[in-house]
Each structure stands twice: as C-alpha cells, then as structure tokens.
Amino acid sequence: MGQDDEAAAGNRRGSVRPAALLIVRITAADIGKRVTIRHRIAAGSTTLTDVMGYLRAWSDGTVVVERHDGELVEIAETAMVAAKVIPPKAVRRVRPTTSDGDTG
C-alpha cells in the first residue's frame, strides 16, 4: 500500500456515513396511498421495525396504517424515523388454461 493509498484509507476509517437518509416524506395529504414506515418499536428505543400498507388516518399525533391482511397498525408520529409513499402492489396475471389440450 502506497502513502497515498494509506492516506485515503485513513480518511475513510474515521468517517461515518449513513447508508440511506432517513426522512419522513409523508403527510396527512397522503391518506389513502400505500406507504412504508420505519419506526421505533417503543418510546426511547433504538430498535426499529417497518410497516407497509395503506395510510388510513393521521390525527392527534398518531398515524394508522392498514396492512394487506386488514390489520390496523397505530404508530406515534414521534416514533417515525423514515416514511415514504410507494407504488400500489403489483397485480399478478393468471394465464388462462384449456382443459382439452388445444393450444390454438
């Protein structure tokens, strides 16, 4: 390793960069849209979890997300670490089949 390589490596060792920017990019105007939210599991906790579904309500400092199975998840606005609107779930197409073996 040359002197320039060592200097460059030394600069990287001391720096800490987040892998992604954690920004809450949703508002009450996004009610009805599909969202993903990363949030703390308990007040003051450093443990995070994600919820994905449709934003159903946002009032009094609490957001409500409806998961795909219909479960409603309440999240304190202050517990949100990152959130964004995501595209609707893709619909899978089912290919029609014929029972008589005719391909034409």
PDB file of N, CA and C in Angstrom:
ATOM      1  N   MET A   1       0.857  -1.177   0.000  1.00  0.00           N
ATOM      2  CA  MET A   1       0.000   0.000   0.000  1.00  0.00           C
ATOM      3  C   MET A   1       0.895   1.230   0.000  1.00  0.00           C
ATOM      4  N   GLY A   2       0.674   2.116  -0.958  1.00  0.00           N
ATOM      5  CA  GLY A   2       1.486   3.331  -1.054  1.00  0.00           C
ATOM      6  C   GLY A   2       1.025   4.376  -0.064  1.00  0.00           C
ATOM      7  N   GLN A   3       1.805   5.449   0.052  1.00  0.00           N
ATOM      8  CA  GLN A   3       1.496   6.510   1.010  1.00  0.00           C
ATOM      9  C   GLN A   3       0.148   7.153   0.702  1.00  0.00           C
ATOM     10  N   ASP A   4      -0.141   7.383  -0.602  1.00  0.00           N
ATOM     11  CA  ASP A   4      -1.421   7.984  -0.973  1.00  0.00           C
ATOM     12  C   ASP A   4      -2.581   7.061  -0.632  1.00  0.00           C
ATOM     13  N   ASP A   5      -2.387   5.736  -0.854  1.00  0.00           N
ATOM     14  CA  ASP A   5      -3.434   4.766  -0.525  1.00  0.00           C
ATOM     15  C   ASP A   5      -3.711   4.755   0.969  1.00  0.00           C
ATOM     16  N   GLU A   6      -2.652   4.811   1.784  1.00  0.00           N
ATOM     17  CA  GLU A   6      -2.812   4.807   3.232  1.00  0.00           C
ATOM     18  C   GLU A   6      -3.542   6.058   3.699  1.00  0.00           C
ATOM     19  N   ALA A   7      -3.221   7.200   3.106  1.00  0.00           N
ATOM     20  CA  ALA A   7      -3.882   8.451   3.484  1.00  0.00           C
ATOM     21  C   ALA A   7      -5.374   8.376   3.149  1.00  0.00           C
ATOM     22  N   ALA A   8      -5.692   7.842   1.957  1.00  0.00           N
ATOM     23  CA  ALA A   8      -7.093   7.722   1.555  1.00  0.00           C
ATOM     24  C   ALA A   8      -7.833   6.764   2.478  1.00  0.00           C
ATOM     25  N   ALA A   9      -7.203   5.637   2.818  1.00  0.00           N
ATOM     26  CA  ALA A   9      -7.829   4.667   3.714  1.00  0.00           C
ATOM     27  C   ALA A   9      -8.028   5.276   5.102  1.00  0.00           C
ATOM     28  N   GLY A  10      -7.067   6.058   5.554  1.00  0.00           N
ATOM     29  CA  GLY A  10      -7.171   6.705   6.862  1.00  0.00           C
ATOM     30  C   GLY A  10      -8.338   7.670   6.909  1.00  0.00           C
ATOM     31  N   ASN A  11      -8.590   8.366   5.814  1.00  0.00           N
ATOM     32  CA  ASN A  11      -9.714   9.299   5.761  1.00  0.00           C
ATOM     33  C   ASN A  11     -11.043   8.558   5.844  1.00  0.00           C
ATOM     34  N   ARG A  12     -11.126   7.375   5.234  1.00  0.00           N
ATOM     35  CA  ARG A  12     -12.374   6.608   5.251  1.00  0.00           C
ATOM     36  C   ARG A  12     -12.636   6.002   6.628  1.00  0.00           C
ATOM     37  N   ARG A  13     -11.587   5.607   7.328  1.00  0.00           N
ATOM     38  CA  ARG A  13     -11.762   4.939   8.620  1.00  0.00           C
ATOM     39  C   ARG A  13     -12.484   5.826   9.629  1.00  0.00           C
ATOM     40  N   GLY A  14     -12.172   7.091   9.637  1.00  0.00           N
ATOM     41  CA  GLY A  14     -12.737   7.981  10.646  1.00  0.00           C
ATOM     42  C   GLY A  14     -14.107   8.536  10.293  1.00  0.00           C
ATOM     43  N   SER A  15     -14.535   8.388   9.063  1.00  0.00           N
ATOM     44  CA  SER A  15     -15.808   8.988   8.670  1.00  0.00           C
ATOM     45  C   SER A  15     -16.936   7.977   8.816  1.00  0.00           C
ATOM     46  N   VAL A  16     -18.081   8.489   9.196  1.00  0.00           N
ATOM     47  CA  VAL A  16     -19.268   7.651   9.320  1.00  0.00           C
ATOM     48  C   VAL A  16     -20.340   8.272   8.454  1.00  0.00           C
ATOM     49  N   ARG A  17     -20.828   7.491   7.493  1.00  0.00           N
ATOM     50  CA  ARG A  17     -21.897   7.960   6.615  1.00  0.00           C
ATOM     51  C   ARG A  17     -23.070   7.012   6.715  1.00  0.00           C
ATOM     52  N   PRO A  18     -24.272   7.540   6.824  1.00  0.00           N
ATOM     53  CA  PRO A  18     -25.424   6.644   6.851  1.00  0.00           C
ATOM     54  C   PRO A  18     -25.594   5.979   5.486  1.00  0.00           C
ATOM     55  N   ALA A  19     -26.092   4.762   5.495  1.00  0.00           N
ATOM     56  CA  ALA A  19     -26.323   4.046   4.251  1.00  0.00           C
ATOM     57  C   ALA A  19     -27.453   4.695   3.452  1.00  0.00           C
ATOM     58  N   ALA A  20     -28.395   5.302   4.142  1.00  0.00           N
ATOM     59  CA  ALA A  20     -29.512   5.969   3.476  1.00  0.00           C
ATOM     60  C   ALA A  20     -29.971   7.125   4.358  1.00  0.00           C
ATOM     61  N   LEU A  21     -30.543   8.121   3.741  1.00  0.00           N
ATOM     62  CA  LEU A  21     -31.095   9.238   4.505  1.00  0.00           C
ATOM     63  C   LEU A  21     -32.440   8.812   5.076  1.00  0.00           C
ATOM     64  N   LEU A  22     -32.623   9.009   6.352  1.00  0.00           N
ATOM     65  CA  LEU A  22     -33.878   8.657   6.997  1.00  0.00           C
ATOM     66  C   LEU A  22     -34.729   9.915   7.103  1.00  0.00           C
ATOM     67  N   ILE A  23     -35.716   9.987   6.240  1.00  0.00           N
ATOM     68  CA  ILE A  23     -36.562  11.181   6.153  1.00  0.00           C
ATOM     69  C   ILE A  23     -38.025  10.743   6.120  1.00  0.00           C
ATOM     70  N   VAL A  24     -38.861  11.403   6.890  1.00  0.00           N
ATOM     71  CA  VAL A  24     -40.299  11.168   6.835  1.00  0.00           C
ATOM     72  C   VAL A  24     -40.843  12.028   5.699  1.00  0.00           C
ATOM     73  N   ARG A  25     -41.260  11.368   4.627  1.00  0.00           N
ATOM     74  CA  ARG A  25     -41.719  12.078   3.431  1.00  0.00           C
ATOM     75  C   ARG A  25     -43.217  11.922   3.194  1.00  0.00           C
ATOM     76  N   ILE A  26     -43.971  11.642   4.232  1.00  0.00           N
ATOM     77  CA  ILE A  26     -45.416  11.536   4.084  1.00  0.00           C
ATOM     78  C   ILE A  26     -46.079  12.613   4.929  1.00  0.00           C
ATOM     79  N   THR A  27     -47.290  12.963   4.528  1.00  0.00           N
ATOM     80  CA  THR A  27     -48.092  13.937   5.274  1.00  0.00           C
ATOM     81  C   THR A  27     -49.525  13.422   5.329  1.00  0.00           C
ATOM     82  N   ALA A  28     -50.365  14.134   6.021  1.00  0.00           N
ATOM     83  CA  ALA A  28     -51.779  13.773   6.098  1.00  0.00           C
ATOM     84  C   ALA A  28     -52.427  13.803   4.715  1.00  0.00           C
ATOM     85  N   ALA A  29     -51.842  14.539   3.783  1.00  0.00           N
ATOM     86  CA  ALA A  29     -52.372  14.587   2.413  1.00  0.00           C
ATOM     87  C   ALA A  29     -52.212  13.244   1.698  1.00  0.00           C
ATOM     88  N   ASP A  30     -51.386  12.343   2.247  1.00  0.00           N
ATOM     89  CA  ASP A  30     -51.152  11.038   1.622  1.00  0.00           C
ATOM     90  C   ASP A  30     -52.113   9.957   2.109  1.00  0.00           C
ATOM     91  N   ILE A  31     -53.120  10.319   2.901  1.00  0.00           N
ATOM     92  CA  ILE A  31     -54.106   9.336   3.364  1.00  0.00           C
ATOM     93  C   ILE A  31     -54.739   8.676   2.147  1.00  0.00           C
ATOM     94  N   GLY A  32     -54.800   7.337   2.185  1.00  0.00           N
ATOM     95  CA  GLY A  32     -55.337   6.554   1.080  1.00  0.00           C
ATOM     96  C   GLY A  32     -54.250   5.981   0.182  1.00  0.00           C
ATOM     97  N   LYS A  33     -53.027   6.472   0.314  1.00  0.00           N
ATOM     98  CA  LYS A  33     -51.922   5.985  -0.511  1.00  0.00           C
ATOM     99  C   LYS A  33     -51.176   4.864   0.216  1.00  0.00           C
ATOM    100  N   ARG A  34     -50.468   4.044  -0.548  1.00  0.00           N
ATOM    101  CA  ARG A  34     -49.660   2.962   0.005  1.00  0.00           C
ATOM    102  C   ARG A  34     -48.334   3.548   0.492  1.00  0.00           C
ATOM    103  N   VAL A  35     -47.965   3.208   1.719  1.00  0.00           N
ATOM    104  CA  VAL A  35     -46.765   3.779   2.326  1.00  0.00           C
ATOM    105  C   VAL A  35     -45.930   2.689   3.002  1.00  0.00           C
ATOM    106  N   THR A  36     -44.695   3.023   3.263  1.00  0.00           N
ATOM    107  CA  THR A  36     -43.857   2.217   4.134  1.00  0.00           C
ATOM    108  C   THR A  36     -43.310   3.150   5.203  1.00  0.00           C
ATOM    109  N   ILE A  37     -43.331   2.680   6.454  1.00  0.00           N
ATOM    110  CA  ILE A  37     -42.895   3.498   7.578  1.00  0.00           C
ATOM    111  C   ILE A  37     -41.917   2.691   8.428  1.00  0.00           C
ATOM    112  N   ARG A  38     -40.747   3.249   8.682  1.00  0.00           N
ATOM    113  CA  ARG A  38     -39.790   2.686   9.638  1.00  0.00           C
ATOM    114  C   ARG A  38     -39.978   3.464  10.929  1.00  0.00           C
ATOM    115  N   HIS A  39     -40.174   2.727  12.032  1.00  0.00           N
ATOM    116  CA  HIS A  39     -40.446   3.405  13.300  1.00  0.00           C
ATOM    117  C   HIS A  39     -39.842   2.647  14.475  1.00  0.00           C
ATOM    118  N   ARG A  40     -39.700   3.364  15.591  1.00  0.00           N
ATOM    119  CA  ARG A  40     -39.223   2.753  16.836  1.00  0.00           C
ATOM    120  C   ARG A  40     -40.336   1.879  17.406  1.00  0.00           C
ATOM    121  N   ILE A  41     -39.956   0.722  17.954  1.00  0.00           N
ATOM    122  CA  ILE A  41     -40.992  -0.174  18.481  1.00  0.00           C
ATOM    123  C   ILE A  41     -41.513   0.280  19.841  1.00  0.00           C
ATOM    124  N   ALA A  42     -40.742   1.097  20.547  1.00  0.00           N
ATOM    125  CA  ALA A  42     -41.185   1.627  21.839  1.00  0.00           C
ATOM    126  C   ALA A  42     -40.540   2.999  22.037  1.00  0.00           C
ATOM    127  N   ALA A  43     -41.159   3.825  22.845  1.00  0.00           N
ATOM    128  CA  ALA A  43     -40.623   5.161  23.109  1.00  0.00           C
ATOM    129  C   ALA A  43     -39.220   5.057  23.681  1.00  0.00           C
ATOM    130  N   GLY A  44     -38.294   5.811  23.106  1.00  0.00           N
ATOM    131  CA  GLY A  44     -36.920   5.828  23.570  1.00  0.00           C
ATOM    132  C   GLY A  44     -36.091   4.637  23.113  1.00  0.00           C
ATOM    133  N   SER A  45     -36.695   3.699  22.418  1.00  0.00           N
ATOM    134  CA  SER A  45     -35.991   2.505  21.954  1.00  0.00           C
ATOM    135  C   SER A  45     -35.141   2.817  20.728  1.00  0.00           C
ATOM    136  N   THR A  46     -34.075   2.052  20.556  1.00  0.00           N
ATOM    137  CA  THR A  46     -33.273   2.169  19.335  1.00  0.00           C
ATOM    138  C   THR A  46     -33.623   1.066  18.347  1.00  0.00           C
ATOM    139  N   THR A  47     -34.496   0.132  18.746  1.00  0.00           N
ATOM    140  CA  THR A  47     -34.917  -0.956  17.870  1.00  0.00           C
ATOM    141  C   THR A  47     -35.989  -0.442  16.912  1.00  0.00           C
ATOM    142  N   LEU A  48     -35.780  -0.720  15.629  1.00  0.00           N
ATOM    143  CA  LEU A  48     -36.692  -0.246  14.596  1.00  0.00           C
ATOM    144  C   LEU A  48     -37.411  -1.410  13.927  1.00  0.00           C
ATOM    145  N   THR A  49     -38.578  -1.127  13.389  1.00  0.00           N
ATOM    146  CA  THR A  49     -39.318  -2.101  12.595  1.00  0.00           C
ATOM    147  C   THR A  49     -40.032  -1.343  11.476  1.00  0.00           C
ATOM    148  N   ASP A  50     -40.496  -2.075  10.490  1.00  0.00           N
ATOM    149  CA  ASP A  50     -41.166  -1.471   9.336  1.00  0.00           C
ATOM    150  C   ASP A  50     -42.610  -1.940   9.252  1.00  0.00           C
ATOM    151  N   VAL A  51     -43.446  -1.085   8.713  1.00  0.00           N
ATOM    152  CA  VAL A  51     -44.816  -1.462   8.395  1.00  0.00           C
ATOM    153  C   VAL A  51     -45.111  -0.927   6.999  1.00  0.00           C
ATOM    154  N   MET A  52     -45.811  -1.754   6.211  1.00  0.00           N
ATOM    155  CA  MET A  52     -46.164  -1.361   4.846  1.00  0.00           C
ATOM    156  C   MET A  52     -47.662  -1.586   4.675  1.00  0.00           C
ATOM    157  N   GLY A  53     -48.316  -0.621   4.061  1.00  0.00           N
ATOM    158  CA  GLY A  53     -49.747  -0.740   3.842  1.00  0.00           C
ATOM    159  C   GLY A  53     -50.313   0.604   3.417  1.00  0.00           C
ATOM    160  N   TYR A  54     -51.620   0.744   3.578  1.00  0.00           N
ATOM    161  CA  TYR A  54     -52.293   1.979   3.168  1.00  0.00           C
ATOM    162  C   TYR A  54     -52.501   2.895   4.368  1.00  0.00           C
ATOM    163  N   LEU A  55     -52.096   4.145   4.203  1.00  0.00           N
ATOM    164  CA  LEU A  55     -52.281   5.152   5.247  1.00  0.00           C
ATOM    165  C   LEU A  55     -53.768   5.457   5.356  1.00  0.00           C
ATOM    166  N   ARG A  56     -54.362   5.143   6.495  1.00  0.00           N
ATOM    167  CA  ARG A  56     -55.810   5.302   6.665  1.00  0.00           C
ATOM    168  C   ARG A  56     -56.197   6.530   7.482  1.00  0.00           C
ATOM    169  N   ALA A  57     -55.325   6.959   8.397  1.00  0.00           N
ATOM    170  CA  ALA A  57     -55.665   8.125   9.230  1.00  0.00           C
ATOM    171  C   ALA A  57     -54.388   8.748   9.777  1.00  0.00           C
ATOM    172  N   TRP A  58     -54.499  10.037  10.096  1.00  0.00           N
ATOM    173  CA  TRP A  58     -53.389  10.762  10.726  1.00  0.00           C
ATOM    174  C   TRP A  58     -54.002  11.884  11.556  1.00  0.00           C
ATOM    175  N   SER A  59     -54.095  11.673  12.864  1.00  0.00           N
ATOM    176  CA  SER A  59     -54.653  12.714  13.722  1.00  0.00           C
ATOM    177  C   SER A  59     -54.112  12.566  15.137  1.00  0.00           C
ATOM    178  N   ASP A  60     -54.084  13.657  15.846  1.00  0.00           N
ATOM    179  CA  ASP A  60     -53.641  13.699  17.241  1.00  0.00           C
ATOM    180  C   ASP A  60     -52.286  13.031  17.455  1.00  0.00           C
ATOM    181  N   GLY A  61     -51.372  13.200  16.502  1.00  0.00           N
ATOM    182  CA  GLY A  61     -50.027  12.669  16.649  1.00  0.00           C
ATOM    183  C   GLY A  61     -49.895  11.172  16.406  1.00  0.00           C
ATOM    184  N   THR A  62     -50.915  10.556  15.820  1.00  0.00           N
ATOM    185  CA  THR A  62     -50.887   9.118  15.544  1.00  0.00           C
ATOM    186  C   THR A  62     -51.278   8.864  14.096  1.00  0.00           C
ATOM    187  N   VAL A  63     -50.531   7.966  13.444  1.00  0.00           N
ATOM    188  CA  VAL A  63     -50.889   7.541  12.095  1.00  0.00           C
ATOM    189  C   VAL A  63     -51.418   6.116  12.174  1.00  0.00           C
ATOM    190  N   VAL A  64     -52.328   5.786  11.271  1.00  0.00           N
ATOM    191  CA  VAL A  64     -52.895   4.442  11.209  1.00  0.00           C
ATOM    192  C   VAL A  64     -52.628   3.892   9.817  1.00  0.00           C
ATOM    193  N   VAL A  65     -52.004   2.700   9.767  1.00  0.00           N
ATOM    194  CA  VAL A  65     -51.692   2.034   8.510  1.00  0.00           C
ATOM    195  C   VAL A  65     -52.436   0.708   8.477  1.00  0.00           C
ATOM    196  N   GLU A  66     -53.102   0.431   7.355  1.00  0.00           N
ATOM    197  CA  GLU A  66     -53.797  -0.840   7.166  1.00  0.00           C
ATOM    198  C   GLU A  66     -52.907  -1.776   6.360  1.00  0.00           C
ATOM    199  N   ARG A  67     -52.487  -2.886   6.989  1.00  0.00           N
ATOM    200  CA  ARG A  67     -51.655  -3.878   6.304  1.00  0.00           C
ATOM    201  C   ARG A  67     -52.488  -4.662   5.292  1.00  0.00           C
ATOM    202  N   HIS A  68     -51.818  -5.462   4.467  1.00  0.00           N
ATOM    203  CA  HIS A  68     -52.502  -6.221   3.418  1.00  0.00           C
ATOM    204  C   HIS A  68     -53.507  -7.219   3.979  1.00  0.00           C
ATOM    205  N   ASP A  69     -53.316  -7.668   5.234  1.00  0.00           N
ATOM    206  CA  ASP A  69     -54.243  -8.626   5.841  1.00  0.00           C
ATOM    207  C   ASP A  69     -55.391  -7.942   6.584  1.00  0.00           C
ATOM    208  N   GLY A  70     -55.463  -6.611   6.508  1.00  0.00           N
ATOM    209  CA  GLY A  70     -56.534  -5.861   7.137  1.00  0.00           C
ATOM    210  C   GLY A  70     -56.216  -5.361   8.537  1.00  0.00           C
ATOM    211  N   GLU A  71     -55.089  -5.798   9.114  1.00  0.00           N
ATOM    212  CA  GLU A  71     -54.699  -5.351  10.448  1.00  0.00           C
ATOM    213  C   GLU A  71     -54.395  -3.857  10.420  1.00  0.00           C
ATOM    214  N   LEU A  72     -54.912  -3.127  11.412  1.00  0.00           N
ATOM    215  CA  LEU A  72     -54.633  -1.702  11.545  1.00  0.00           C
ATOM    216  C   LEU A  72     -53.506  -1.522  12.543  1.00  0.00           C
ATOM    217  N   VAL A  73     -52.466  -0.788  12.132  1.00  0.00           N
ATOM    218  CA  VAL A  73     -51.305  -0.539  12.983  1.00  0.00           C
ATOM    219  C   VAL A  73     -51.267   0.948  13.305  1.00  0.00           C
ATOM    220  N   GLU A  74     -51.237   1.275  14.598  1.00  0.00           N
ATOM    221  CA  GLU A  74     -51.139   2.663  15.040  1.00  0.00           C
ATOM    222  C   GLU A  74     -49.686   2.966  15.380  1.00  0.00           C
ATOM    223  N   ILE A  75     -49.194   4.093  14.882  1.00  0.00           N
ATOM    224  CA  ILE A  75     -47.809   4.494  15.107  1.00  0.00           C
ATOM    225  C   ILE A  75     -47.806   5.937  15.579  1.00  0.00           C
ATOM    226  N   ALA A  76     -47.101   6.186  16.661  1.00  0.00           N
ATOM    227  CA  ALA A  76     -46.963   7.565  17.144  1.00  0.00           C
ATOM    228  C   ALA A  76     -46.124   8.342  16.137  1.00  0.00           C
ATOM    229  N   GLU A  77     -46.559   9.517  15.833  1.00  0.00           N
ATOM    230  CA  GLU A  77     -45.843  10.377  14.884  1.00  0.00           C
ATOM    231  C   GLU A  77     -44.393  10.585  15.329  1.00  0.00           C
ATOM    232  N   THR A  78     -44.167  10.677  16.617  1.00  0.00           N
ATOM    233  CA  THR A  78     -42.820  10.895  17.143  1.00  0.00           C
ATOM    234  C   THR A  78     -41.934   9.653  17.034  1.00  0.00           C
ATOM    235  N   ALA A  79     -42.532   8.481  16.808  1.00  0.00           N
ATOM    236  CA  ALA A  79     -41.764   7.238  16.680  1.00  0.00           C
ATOM    237  C   ALA A  79     -41.292   6.998  15.246  1.00  0.00           C
ATOM    238  N   MET A  80     -41.845   7.755  14.290  1.00  0.00           N
ATOM    239  CA  MET A  80     -41.460   7.559  12.894  1.00  0.00           C
ATOM    240  C   MET A  80     -40.039   8.043  12.657  1.00  0.00           C
ATOM    241  N   VAL A  81     -39.257   7.215  11.980  1.00  0.00           N
ATOM    242  CA  VAL A  81     -37.877   7.549  11.657  1.00  0.00           C
ATOM    243  C   VAL A  81     -37.758   7.863  10.163  1.00  0.00           C
ATOM    244  N   ALA A  82     -38.475   7.096   9.342  1.00  0.00           N
ATOM    245  CA  ALA A  82     -38.478   7.305   7.894  1.00  0.00           C
ATOM    246  C   ALA A  82     -39.815   6.824   7.353  1.00  0.00           C
ATOM    247  N   ALA A  83     -40.277   7.477   6.300  1.00  0.00           N
ATOM    248  CA  ALA A  83     -41.539   7.075   5.687  1.00  0.00           C
ATOM    249  C   ALA A  83     -41.604   7.642   4.282  1.00  0.00           C
ATOM    250  N   LYS A  84     -42.263   6.886   3.397  1.00  0.00           N
ATOM    251  CA  LYS A  84     -42.455   7.386   2.037  1.00  0.00           C
ATOM    252  C   LYS A  84     -43.644   6.690   1.390  1.00  0.00           C
ATOM    253  N   VAL A  85     -44.177   7.326   0.362  1.00  0.00           N
ATOM    254  CA  VAL A  85     -45.237   6.750  -0.450  1.00  0.00           C
ATOM    255  C   VAL A  85     -44.581   5.764  -1.410  1.00  0.00           C
ATOM    256  N   ILE A  86     -45.217   4.599  -1.592  1.00  0.00           N
ATOM    257  CA  ILE A  86     -44.701   3.593  -2.518  1.00  0.00           C
ATOM    258  C   ILE A  86     -45.779   3.240  -3.527  1.00  0.00           C
ATOM    259  N   PRO A  87     -45.387   2.653  -4.672  1.00  0.00           N
ATOM    260  CA  PRO A  87     -46.376   2.322  -5.698  1.00  0.00           C
ATOM    261  C   PRO A  87     -47.377   1.274  -5.211  1.00  0.00           C
ATOM    262  N   PRO A  88     -48.571   1.238  -5.827  1.00  0.00           N
ATOM    263  CA  PRO A  88     -49.543   0.198  -5.483  1.00  0.00           C
ATOM    264  C   PRO A  88     -48.949  -1.184  -5.728  1.00  0.00           C
ATOM    265  N   LYS A  89     -49.458  -2.159  -4.987  1.00  0.00           N
ATOM    266  CA  LYS A  89     -48.978  -3.531  -5.127  1.00  0.00           C
ATOM    267  C   LYS A  89     -49.266  -4.030  -6.545  1.00  0.00           C
ATOM    268  N   ALA A  90     -48.287  -4.700  -7.120  1.00  0.00           N
ATOM    269  CA  ALA A  90     -48.441  -5.223  -8.474  1.00  0.00           C
ATOM    270  C   ALA A  90     -49.496  -6.323  -8.486  1.00  0.00           C
ATOM    271  N   VAL A  91     -50.279  -6.341  -9.552  1.00  0.00           N
ATOM    272  CA  VAL A  91     -51.305  -7.366  -9.717  1.00  0.00           C
ATOM    273  C   VAL A  91     -50.739  -8.450 -10.620  1.00  0.00           C
ATOM    274  N   ARG A  92     -50.765  -9.684 -10.139  1.00  0.00           N
ATOM    275  CA  ARG A  92     -50.271 -10.796 -10.947  1.00  0.00           C
ATOM    276  C   ARG A  92     -51.357 -11.265 -11.896  1.00  0.00           C
ATOM    277  N   ARG A  93     -50.960 -11.486 -13.131  1.00  0.00           N
ATOM    278  CA  ARG A  93     -51.903 -12.003 -14.128  1.00  0.00           C
ATOM    279  C   ARG A  93     -51.892 -13.525 -14.100  1.00  0.00           C
ATOM    280  N   VAL A  94     -53.058 -14.109 -14.247  1.00  0.00           N
ATOM    281  CA  VAL A  94     -53.175 -15.561 -14.308  1.00  0.00           C
ATOM    282  C   VAL A  94     -53.402 -15.928 -15.764  1.00  0.00           C
ATOM    283  N   ARG A  95     -52.558 -16.839 -16.267  1.00  0.00           N
ATOM    284  CA  ARG A  95     -52.711 -17.269 -17.652  1.00  0.00           C
ATOM    285  C   ARG A  95     -53.863 -18.249 -17.769  1.00  0.00           C
ATOM    286  N   PRO A  96     -54.711 -18.045 -18.774  1.00  0.00           N
ATOM    287  CA  PRO A  96     -55.821 -18.982 -18.955  1.00  0.00           C
ATOM    288  C   PRO A  96     -55.286 -20.343 -19.438  1.00  0.00           C
ATOM    289  N   THR A  97     -55.920 -21.384 -18.962  1.00  0.00           N
ATOM    290  CA  THR A  97     -55.548 -22.727 -19.408  1.00  0.00           C
ATOM    291  C   THR A  97     -56.734 -23.371 -20.095  1.00  0.00           C
ATOM    292  N   THR A  98     -56.433 -24.295 -20.971  1.00  0.00           N
ATOM    293  CA  THR A  98     -57.507 -25.035 -21.656  1.00  0.00           C
ATOM    294  C   THR A  98     -57.500 -26.456 -21.148  1.00  0.00           C
ATOM    295  N   SER A  99     -58.680 -27.017 -20.974  1.00  0.00           N
ATOM    296  CA  SER A  99     -58.789 -28.368 -20.412  1.00  0.00           C
ATOM    297  C   SER A  99     -58.695 -29.446 -21.488  1.00  0.00           C
ATOM    298  N   ASP A 100     -58.900 -29.080 -22.770  1.00  0.00           N
ATOM    299  CA  ASP A 100     -58.887 -30.094 -23.808  1.00  0.00           C
ATOM    300  C   ASP A 100     -57.503 -30.246 -24.479  1.00  0.00           C
ATOM    301  N   GLY A 101     -56.527 -29.538 -23.999  1.00  0.00           N
ATOM    302  CA  GLY A 101     -55.175 -29.654 -24.532  1.00  0.00           C
ATOM    303  C   GLY A 101     -54.968 -28.892 -25.822  1.00  0.00           C
ATOM    304  N   ASP A 102     -55.981 -28.144 -26.279  1.00  0.00           N
ATOM    305  CA  ASP A 102     -55.881 -27.361 -27.509  1.00  0.00           C
ATOM    306  C   ASP A 102     -55.013 -26.129 -27.245  1.00  0.00           C
ATOM    307  N   THR A 103     -53.968 -25.957 -28.024  1.00  0.00           N
ATOM    308  CA  THR A 103     -53.090 -24.799 -27.848  1.00  0.00           C
ATOM    309  C   THR A 103     -53.407 -23.708 -28.837  1.00  0.00           C
ATOM    310  N   GLY A 104     -54.294 -23.889 -29.734  1.00  0.00           N
ATOM    311  CA  GLY A 104     -54.568 -22.909 -30.771  1.00  0.00           C
ATOM    312  C   GLY A 104     -55.885 -22.366 -30.665  1.00  0.00           C
TER     313      GLY A 104
END
